[in-house]
Amino acid sequence: SLKPEDTAVYYCAAAPGYTPSRVYTR
């Protein structure tokens, strides 16, 4: 259900995760 406001360059990122279940958002 893409919208015009979804237009952007999309970047993938990786963070060393010390806790298997944690989600990082910053």
PDB file of all heavy atoms in Angstrom:
ATOM      1  N   SER A   1       0.832  -1.210   0.000  1.00  0.00           N
ATOM      2  CA  SER A   1       0.000   0.000   0.000  1.00  0.00           C
ATOM      3  C   SER A   1       0.863   1.254   0.000  1.00  0.00           C
ATOM      4  O   SER A   1       0.655   2.177   0.798  1.00  0.00           O
ATOM      5  CB  SER A   1      -0.936   0.002   1.214  1.00  0.00           C
ATOM      6  OG  SER A   1      -1.752  -1.144   1.231  1.00  0.00           O
ATOM      7  N   LEU A   2       1.809   1.298  -0.892  1.00  0.00           N
ATOM      8  CA  LEU A   2       2.753   2.410  -0.924  1.00  0.00           C
ATOM      9  C   LEU A   2       2.067   3.730  -1.239  1.00  0.00           C
ATOM     10  O   LEU A   2       1.100   3.783  -2.019  1.00  0.00           O
ATOM     11  CB  LEU A   2       3.862   2.134  -1.933  1.00  0.00           C
ATOM     12  CG  LEU A   2       4.934   1.159  -1.439  1.00  0.00           C
ATOM     13  CD1 LEU A   2       5.721   0.577  -2.587  1.00  0.00           C
ATOM     14  CD2 LEU A   2       5.854   1.850  -0.447  1.00  0.00           C
ATOM     15  N   LYS A   3       2.585   4.778  -0.628  1.00  0.00           N
ATOM     16  CA  LYS A   3       2.054   6.126  -0.796  1.00  0.00           C
ATOM     17  C   LYS A   3       3.149   7.035  -1.355  1.00  0.00           C
ATOM     18  O   LYS A   3       4.337   6.765  -1.151  1.00  0.00           O
ATOM     19  CB  LYS A   3       1.592   6.676   0.548  1.00  0.00           C
ATOM     20  CG  LYS A   3       0.578   5.817   1.273  1.00  0.00           C
ATOM     21  CD  LYS A   3       0.265   6.386   2.646  1.00  0.00           C
ATOM     22  CE  LYS A   3      -0.742   5.532   3.402  1.00  0.00           C
ATOM     23  NZ  LYS A   3      -1.046   6.083   4.743  1.00  0.00           N
ATOM     24  N   PRO A   4       2.766   8.124  -2.011  1.00  0.00           N
ATOM     25  CA  PRO A   4       3.788   9.052  -2.515  1.00  0.00           C
ATOM     26  C   PRO A   4       4.734   9.537  -1.418  1.00  0.00           C
ATOM     27  O   PRO A   4       5.926   9.756  -1.670  1.00  0.00           O
ATOM     28  CB  PRO A   4       2.957  10.197  -3.091  1.00  0.00           C
ATOM     29  CG  PRO A   4       1.681   9.549  -3.524  1.00  0.00           C
ATOM     30  CD  PRO A   4       1.423   8.492  -2.482  1.00  0.00           C
ATOM     31  N   GLU A   5       4.240   9.675  -0.193  1.00  0.00           N
ATOM     32  CA  GLU A   5       5.094  10.141   0.902  1.00  0.00           C
ATOM     33  C   GLU A   5       6.102   9.093   1.364  1.00  0.00           C
ATOM     34  O   GLU A   5       6.961   9.377   2.199  1.00  0.00           O
ATOM     35  CB  GLU A   5       4.249  10.606   2.093  1.00  0.00           C
ATOM     36  CG  GLU A   5       3.185   9.625   2.545  1.00  0.00           C
ATOM     37  CD  GLU A   5       1.818   9.931   1.942  1.00  0.00           C
ATOM     38  OE1 GLU A   5       1.745  10.243   0.728  1.00  0.00           O
ATOM     39  OE2 GLU A   5       0.825   9.835   2.703  1.00  0.00           O
ATOM     40  N   ASP A   6       6.021   7.880   0.816  1.00  0.00           N
ATOM     41  CA  ASP A   6       7.035   6.864   1.093  1.00  0.00           C
ATOM     42  C   ASP A   6       8.252   7.024   0.184  1.00  0.00           C
ATOM     43  O   ASP A   6       9.249   6.316   0.347  1.00  0.00           O
ATOM     44  CB  ASP A   6       6.452   5.458   0.898  1.00  0.00           C
ATOM     45  CG  ASP A   6       5.376   5.123   1.897  1.00  0.00           C
ATOM     46  OD1 ASP A   6       5.537   5.463   3.097  1.00  0.00           O
ATOM     47  OD2 ASP A   6       4.362   4.511   1.500  1.00  0.00           O
ATOM     48  N   THR A   7       8.179   7.940  -0.776  1.00  0.00           N
ATOM     49  CA  THR A   7       9.300   8.176  -1.673  1.00  0.00           C
ATOM     50  C   THR A   7      10.525   8.637  -0.893  1.00  0.00           C
ATOM     51  O   THR A   7      10.470   9.597  -0.131  1.00  0.00           O
ATOM     52  CB  THR A   7       8.919   9.243  -2.716  1.00  0.00           C
ATOM     53  OG1 THR A   7       7.878   8.721  -3.555  1.00  0.00           O
ATOM     54  CG2 THR A   7      10.115   9.611  -3.583  1.00  0.00           C
ATOM     55  N   ALA A   8      11.633   7.924  -1.077  1.00  0.00           N
ATOM     56  CA  ALA A   8      12.863   8.209  -0.336  1.00  0.00           C
ATOM     57  C   ALA A   8      13.946   7.241  -0.781  1.00  0.00           C
ATOM     58  O   ALA A   8      13.672   6.272  -1.494  1.00  0.00           O
ATOM     59  CB  ALA A   8      12.632   8.074   1.167  1.00  0.00           C
ATOM     60  N   VAL A   9      15.148   7.521  -0.331  1.00  0.00           N
ATOM     61  CA  VAL A   9      16.218   6.533  -0.421  1.00  0.00           C
ATOM     62  C   VAL A   9      16.148   5.699   0.856  1.00  0.00           C
ATOM     63  O   VAL A   9      16.111   6.256   1.959  1.00  0.00           O
ATOM     64  CB  VAL A   9      17.602   7.193  -0.548  1.00  0.00           C
ATOM     65  CG1 VAL A   9      18.687   6.124  -0.560  1.00  0.00           C
ATOM     66  CG2 VAL A   9      17.670   8.041  -1.821  1.00  0.00           C
ATOM     67  N   TYR A  10      16.102   4.398   0.684  1.00  0.00           N
ATOM     68  CA  TYR A  10      15.983   3.478   1.812  1.00  0.00           C
ATOM     69  C   TYR A  10      17.339   2.862   2.116  1.00  0.00           C
ATOM     70  O   TYR A  10      18.000   2.318   1.213  1.00  0.00           O
ATOM     71  CB  TYR A  10      14.952   2.395   1.504  1.00  0.00           C
ATOM     72  CG  TYR A  10      13.535   2.906   1.641  1.00  0.00           C
ATOM     73  CD1 TYR A  10      13.009   3.801   0.707  1.00  0.00           C
ATOM     74  CD2 TYR A  10      12.732   2.520   2.703  1.00  0.00           C
ATOM     75  CE1 TYR A  10      11.726   4.296   0.843  1.00  0.00           C
ATOM     76  CE2 TYR A  10      11.438   3.004   2.852  1.00  0.00           C
ATOM     77  CZ  TYR A  10      10.948   3.892   1.919  1.00  0.00           C
ATOM     78  OH  TYR A  10       9.673   4.385   2.053  1.00  0.00           O
ATOM     79  N   TYR A  11      17.730   2.939   3.384  1.00  0.00           N
ATOM     80  CA  TYR A  11      19.025   2.457   3.840  1.00  0.00           C
ATOM     81  C   TYR A  11      18.848   1.299   4.809  1.00  0.00           C
ATOM     82  O   TYR A  11      18.032   1.354   5.723  1.00  0.00           O
ATOM     83  CB  TYR A  11      19.789   3.560   4.553  1.00  0.00           C
ATOM     84  CG  TYR A  11      20.141   4.741   3.675  1.00  0.00           C
ATOM     85  CD1 TYR A  11      19.288   5.841   3.593  1.00  0.00           C
ATOM     86  CD2 TYR A  11      21.326   4.767   2.952  1.00  0.00           C
ATOM     87  CE1 TYR A  11      19.602   6.924   2.790  1.00  0.00           C
ATOM     88  CE2 TYR A  11      21.649   5.853   2.156  1.00  0.00           C
ATOM     89  CZ  TYR A  11      20.780   6.928   2.072  1.00  0.00           C
ATOM     90  OH  TYR A  11      21.100   7.998   1.279  1.00  0.00           O
ATOM     91  N   CYS A  12      19.687   0.304   4.619  1.00  0.00           N
ATOM     92  CA  CYS A  12      19.783  -0.817   5.541  1.00  0.00           C
ATOM     93  C   CYS A  12      20.901  -0.502   6.541  1.00  0.00           C
ATOM     94  O   CYS A  12      21.906   0.115   6.165  1.00  0.00           O
ATOM     95  CB  CYS A  12      20.115  -2.069   4.734  1.00  0.00           C
ATOM     96  SG  CYS A  12      20.467  -3.536   5.680  1.00  0.00           S
ATOM     97  N   ALA A  13      20.722  -0.909   7.792  1.00  0.00           N
ATOM     98  CA  ALA A  13      21.723  -0.635   8.812  1.00  0.00           C
ATOM     99  C   ALA A  13      21.860  -1.818   9.758  1.00  0.00           C
ATOM    100  O   ALA A  13      20.887  -2.553   9.989  1.00  0.00           O
ATOM    101  CB  ALA A  13      21.334   0.623   9.594  1.00  0.00           C
ATOM    102  N   ALA A  14      23.072  -1.963  10.316  1.00  0.00           N
ATOM    103  CA  ALA A  14      23.359  -3.068  11.232  1.00  0.00           C
ATOM    104  C   ALA A  14      23.956  -2.532  12.515  1.00  0.00           C
ATOM    105  O   ALA A  14      24.829  -1.654  12.497  1.00  0.00           O
ATOM    106  CB  ALA A  14      24.326  -4.048  10.576  1.00  0.00           C
ATOM    107  N   ALA A  15      23.469  -3.083  13.643  1.00  0.00           N
ATOM    108  CA  ALA A  15      23.960  -2.682  14.958  1.00  0.00           C
ATOM    109  C   ALA A  15      24.413  -3.913  15.732  1.00  0.00           C
ATOM    110  O   ALA A  15      23.681  -4.910  15.763  1.00  0.00           O
ATOM    111  CB  ALA A  15      22.860  -1.976  15.737  1.00  0.00           C
ATOM    112  N   PRO A  16      25.593  -3.861  16.352  1.00  0.00           N
ATOM    113  CA  PRO A  16      25.987  -4.975  17.216  1.00  0.00           C
ATOM    114  C   PRO A  16      24.933  -5.139  18.303  1.00  0.00           C
ATOM    115  O   PRO A  16      24.660  -4.197  19.050  1.00  0.00           O
ATOM    116  CB  PRO A  16      27.328  -4.522  17.798  1.00  0.00           C
ATOM    117  CG  PRO A  16      27.816  -3.482  16.872  1.00  0.00           C
ATOM    118  CD  PRO A  16      26.591  -2.803  16.331  1.00  0.00           C
ATOM    119  N   GLY A  17      24.329  -6.298  18.359  1.00  0.00           N
ATOM    120  CA  GLY A  17      23.245  -6.499  19.305  1.00  0.00           C
ATOM    121  C   GLY A  17      23.660  -7.368  20.460  1.00  0.00           C
ATOM    122  O   GLY A  17      23.912  -8.545  20.294  1.00  0.00           O
ATOM    123  N   TYR A  18      23.761  -6.784  21.634  1.00  0.00           N
ATOM    124  CA  TYR A  18      24.220  -7.519  22.805  1.00  0.00           C
ATOM    125  C   TYR A  18      23.102  -8.347  23.421  1.00  0.00           C
ATOM    126  O   TYR A  18      23.358  -9.310  24.136  1.00  0.00           O
ATOM    127  CB  TYR A  18      24.814  -6.556  23.810  1.00  0.00           C
ATOM    128  CG  TYR A  18      25.970  -5.767  23.230  1.00  0.00           C
ATOM    129  CD1 TYR A  18      25.811  -4.425  22.886  1.00  0.00           C
ATOM    130  CD2 TYR A  18      27.188  -6.374  22.974  1.00  0.00           C
ATOM    131  CE1 TYR A  18      26.859  -3.706  22.325  1.00  0.00           C
ATOM    132  CE2 TYR A  18      28.239  -5.670  22.400  1.00  0.00           C
ATOM    133  CZ  TYR A  18      28.066  -4.335  22.080  1.00  0.00           C
ATOM    134  OH  TYR A  18      29.089  -3.633  21.509  1.00  0.00           O
ATOM    135  N   THR A  19      21.874  -7.966  23.107  1.00  0.00           N
ATOM    136  CA  THR A  19      20.715  -8.694  23.617  1.00  0.00           C
ATOM    137  C   THR A  19      19.953  -9.257  22.430  1.00  0.00           C
ATOM    138  O   THR A  19      19.523  -8.499  21.571  1.00  0.00           O
ATOM    139  CB  THR A  19      19.787  -7.772  24.424  1.00  0.00           C
ATOM    140  OG1 THR A  19      20.541  -7.167  25.471  1.00  0.00           O
ATOM    141  CG2 THR A  19      18.620  -8.555  24.999  1.00  0.00           C
ATOM    142  N   PRO A  20      19.765 -10.571  22.349  1.00  0.00           N
ATOM    143  CA  PRO A  20      19.151 -11.177  21.149  1.00  0.00           C
ATOM    144  C   PRO A  20      17.765 -10.654  20.820  1.00  0.00           C
ATOM    145  O   PRO A  20      17.377 -10.617  19.657  1.00  0.00           O
ATOM    146  CB  PRO A  20      19.113 -12.665  21.501  1.00  0.00           C
ATOM    147  CG  PRO A  20      20.234 -12.849  22.459  1.00  0.00           C
ATOM    148  CD  PRO A  20      20.265 -11.591  23.271  1.00  0.00           C
ATOM    149  N   SER A  21      17.016 -10.250  21.811  1.00  0.00           N
ATOM    150  CA  SER A  21      15.626  -9.870  21.560  1.00  0.00           C
ATOM    151  C   SER A  21      15.408  -8.363  21.463  1.00  0.00           C
ATOM    152  O   SER A  21      14.297  -7.910  21.262  1.00  0.00           O
ATOM    153  CB  SER A  21      14.744 -10.418  22.679  1.00  0.00           C
ATOM    154  OG  SER A  21      15.161  -9.867  23.918  1.00  0.00           O
ATOM    155  N   ARG A  22      16.464  -7.587  21.577  1.00  0.00           N
ATOM    156  CA  ARG A  22      16.289  -6.127  21.619  1.00  0.00           C
ATOM    157  C   ARG A  22      16.193  -5.540  20.221  1.00  0.00           C
ATOM    158  O   ARG A  22      16.891  -5.956  19.298  1.00  0.00           O
ATOM    159  CB  ARG A  22      17.445  -5.470  22.380  1.00  0.00           C
ATOM    160  CG  ARG A  22      17.290  -3.950  22.483  1.00  0.00           C
ATOM    161  CD  ARG A  22      18.377  -3.319  23.315  1.00  0.00           C
ATOM    162  NE  ARG A  22      18.315  -1.869  23.246  1.00  0.00           N
ATOM    163  CZ  ARG A  22      19.182  -1.060  23.814  1.00  0.00           C
ATOM    164  NH1 ARG A  22      20.180  -1.563  24.518  1.00  0.00           N
ATOM    165  NH2 ARG A  22      19.054   0.240  23.689  1.00  0.00           N
ATOM    166  N   VAL A  23      15.338  -4.525  20.094  1.00  0.00           N
ATOM    167  CA  VAL A  23      15.180  -3.770  18.860  1.00  0.00           C
ATOM    168  C   VAL A  23      15.773  -2.378  19.077  1.00  0.00           C
ATOM    169  O   VAL A  23      15.526  -1.742  20.096  1.00  0.00           O
ATOM    170  CB  VAL A  23      13.695  -3.652  18.473  1.00  0.00           C
ATOM    171  CG1 VAL A  23      13.517  -2.711  17.287  1.00  0.00           C
ATOM    172  CG2 VAL A  23      13.125  -5.023  18.125  1.00  0.00           C
ATOM    173  N   TYR A  24      16.563  -1.909  18.126  1.00  0.00           N
ATOM    174  CA  TYR A  24      17.203  -0.599  18.206  1.00  0.00           C
ATOM    175  C   TYR A  24      16.555   0.325  17.177  1.00  0.00           C
ATOM    176  O   TYR A  24      16.400  -0.043  16.014  1.00  0.00           O
ATOM    177  CB  TYR A  24      18.696  -0.719  17.929  1.00  0.00           C
ATOM    178  CG  TYR A  24      19.427  -1.627  18.880  1.00  0.00           C
ATOM    179  CD1 TYR A  24      19.467  -2.999  18.672  1.00  0.00           C
ATOM    180  CD2 TYR A  24      20.063  -1.111  20.011  1.00  0.00           C
ATOM    181  CE1 TYR A  24      20.114  -3.836  19.548  1.00  0.00           C
ATOM    182  CE2 TYR A  24      20.722  -1.944  20.895  1.00  0.00           C
ATOM    183  CZ  TYR A  24      20.744  -3.308  20.660  1.00  0.00           C
ATOM    184  OH  TYR A  24      21.389  -4.129  21.529  1.00  0.00           O
ATOM    185  N   THR A  25      16.191   1.528  17.614  1.00  0.00           N
ATOM    186  CA  THR A  25      15.457   2.427  16.721  1.00  0.00           C
ATOM    187  C   THR A  25      16.158   3.754  16.453  1.00  0.00           C
ATOM    188  O   THR A  25      15.642   4.566  15.686  1.00  0.00           O
ATOM    189  CB  THR A  25      14.063   2.729  17.308  1.00  0.00           C
ATOM    190  OG1 THR A  25      14.223   3.407  18.560  1.00  0.00           O
ATOM    191  CG2 THR A  25      13.269   1.453  17.511  1.00  0.00           C
ATOM    192  N   ARG A  26      17.318   3.987  17.038  1.00  0.00           N
ATOM    193  CA  ARG A  26      18.000   5.276  16.892  1.00  0.00           C
ATOM    194  C   ARG A  26      19.178   5.178  15.946  1.00  0.00           C
ATOM    195  O   ARG A  26      19.916   4.201  15.963  1.00  0.00           O
ATOM    196  CB  ARG A  26      18.443   5.781  18.265  1.00  0.00           C
ATOM    197  CG  ARG A  26      17.271   6.076  19.190  1.00  0.00           C
ATOM    198  CD  ARG A  26      17.724   6.443  20.586  1.00  0.00           C
ATOM    199  NE  ARG A  26      16.630   6.864  21.442  1.00  0.00           N
ATOM    200  CZ  ARG A  26      15.830   6.043  22.071  1.00  0.00           C
ATOM    201  NH1 ARG A  26      15.973   4.745  21.925  1.00  0.00           N
ATOM    202  NH2 ARG A  26      14.875   6.530  22.830  1.00  0.00           N
TER     203      ARG A  26
END
